[in-house]
């Protein structure tokens, strides 16, 4: 959980990943992990909820590296290859 004061509004918003769901893919599609993100602003009666996939986090990191060249943005774990993507070596 991290509190960040936005440059636009100067308000502190707390965001955290609260839950996740794995949706099974079909015959030609892969499984998708969806994360539930809950954001809370002190003094507000409601919380904001959004759902993001792991692809969204990779894209966010890529944009942060471009926008903030002098800030270290931690790496994300490597993506796992599907069994269909792996090549079988010759025997």
Protein backbone atom coordinates (compact mmCIF):
# COMPACT_ATOMS: atom_id res chain seq x y z
CA UNK A 1 0.00 0.00 0.00
CA UNK A 2 1.39 3.39 -0.95
CA UNK A 3 0.19 6.93 -0.42
CA UNK A 4 1.00 9.36 -3.21
CA UNK A 5 0.14 13.04 -3.38
CA UNK A 6 -1.00 13.80 -6.92
CA UNK A 7 0.65 16.81 -8.57
CA UNK A 8 -2.71 17.92 -9.93
CA UNK A 9 -4.88 17.73 -6.83
CA UNK A 10 -2.33 17.42 -3.99
CA UNK A 11 -4.53 14.76 -2.42
CA UNK A 12 -3.23 11.53 -0.95
CA UNK A 13 -4.78 8.45 -2.49
CA UNK A 14 -4.11 4.95 -1.18
CA UNK A 15 -4.19 2.12 -3.73
CA UNK A 16 -3.76 -1.60 -3.23
CA UNK A 17 -4.41 -4.85 -5.02
CA UNK A 18 -7.20 -6.43 -3.04
CA UNK A 19 -8.10 -9.56 -5.00
CA UNK A 20 -7.45 -11.43 -8.23
CA UNK A 21 -9.36 -13.81 -10.47
CA UNK A 22 -8.07 -16.32 -13.02
CA UNK A 23 -10.32 -16.65 -16.05
CA UNK A 24 -9.76 -19.82 -18.03
CA UNK A 25 -9.14 -19.37 -21.72
CA UNK A 26 -10.72 -21.39 -24.45
CA UNK A 27 -9.07 -23.77 -26.89
CA UNK A 28 -7.17 -21.04 -28.74
CA UNK A 29 -6.81 -18.45 -25.98
CA UNK A 30 -4.73 -18.34 -22.81
CA UNK A 31 -5.79 -17.93 -19.19
CA UNK A 32 -6.12 -14.31 -18.03
CA UNK A 33 -5.42 -13.01 -14.53
CA UNK A 34 -7.52 -9.98 -13.51
CA UNK A 35 -6.52 -7.92 -10.45
CA UNK A 36 -8.97 -5.84 -8.43
CA UNK A 37 -7.42 -2.50 -7.42
CA UNK A 38 -9.06 -0.48 -4.65
CA UNK A 39 -8.23 3.23 -4.27
CA UNK A 40 -9.27 5.25 -1.24
CA UNK A 41 -9.08 8.97 -0.59
CA UNK A 42 -9.22 10.16 3.04
CA UNK A 43 -12.50 11.92 3.81
CA UNK A 44 -14.45 10.27 1.00
CA UNK A 45 -17.33 7.91 1.76
CA UNK A 46 -16.70 5.58 -1.18
CA UNK A 47 -13.78 3.63 -2.60
CA UNK A 48 -12.85 3.44 -6.26
CA UNK A 49 -12.50 -0.06 -7.71
CA UNK A 50 -10.94 -0.99 -11.02
CA UNK A 51 -9.93 -4.25 -12.66
CA UNK A 52 -6.63 -4.63 -14.50
CA UNK A 53 -4.79 -7.44 -16.25
CA UNK A 54 -1.08 -8.16 -15.96
CA UNK A 55 -0.64 -6.63 -19.43
CA UNK A 56 -1.79 -3.29 -17.97
CA UNK A 57 1.03 -3.38 -15.40
CA UNK A 58 3.67 -4.08 -18.08
CA UNK A 59 2.35 -1.18 -20.17
CA UNK A 60 2.27 1.14 -17.12
CA UNK A 61 5.88 0.29 -16.29
CA UNK A 62 6.95 0.89 -19.90
CA UNK A 63 5.32 4.34 -19.88
CA UNK A 64 6.82 5.21 -16.48
CA UNK A 65 10.33 4.38 -17.69
CA UNK A 66 9.85 6.72 -20.67
CA UNK A 67 8.21 9.55 -18.68
CA UNK A 68 10.58 9.39 -15.69
CA UNK A 69 14.07 8.67 -17.09
CA UNK A 70 15.90 9.61 -13.87
CA UNK A 71 13.69 7.58 -11.52
CA UNK A 72 14.35 3.89 -10.99
CA UNK A 73 11.23 1.91 -11.81
CA UNK A 74 11.48 -1.63 -10.39
CA UNK A 75 11.30 -4.49 -12.88
CA UNK A 76 8.30 -6.78 -13.13
CA UNK A 77 8.59 -10.56 -13.12
CA UNK A 78 9.16 -12.18 -16.50
CA UNK A 79 6.06 -13.38 -18.30
CA UNK A 80 5.54 -17.14 -18.32
CA UNK A 81 5.43 -18.84 -21.66
CA UNK A 82 2.39 -20.91 -22.53
CA UNK A 83 2.98 -24.51 -23.40
CA UNK A 84 2.03 -23.63 -26.99
CA UNK A 85 4.81 -21.00 -27.14
CA UNK A 86 7.57 -23.36 -26.07
CA UNK A 87 9.54 -25.03 -28.80
CA UNK A 88 10.24 -28.73 -28.51
CA UNK A 89 13.95 -29.42 -29.13
CA UNK A 90 14.93 -31.96 -31.75
CA UNK A 91 15.86 -35.35 -30.41
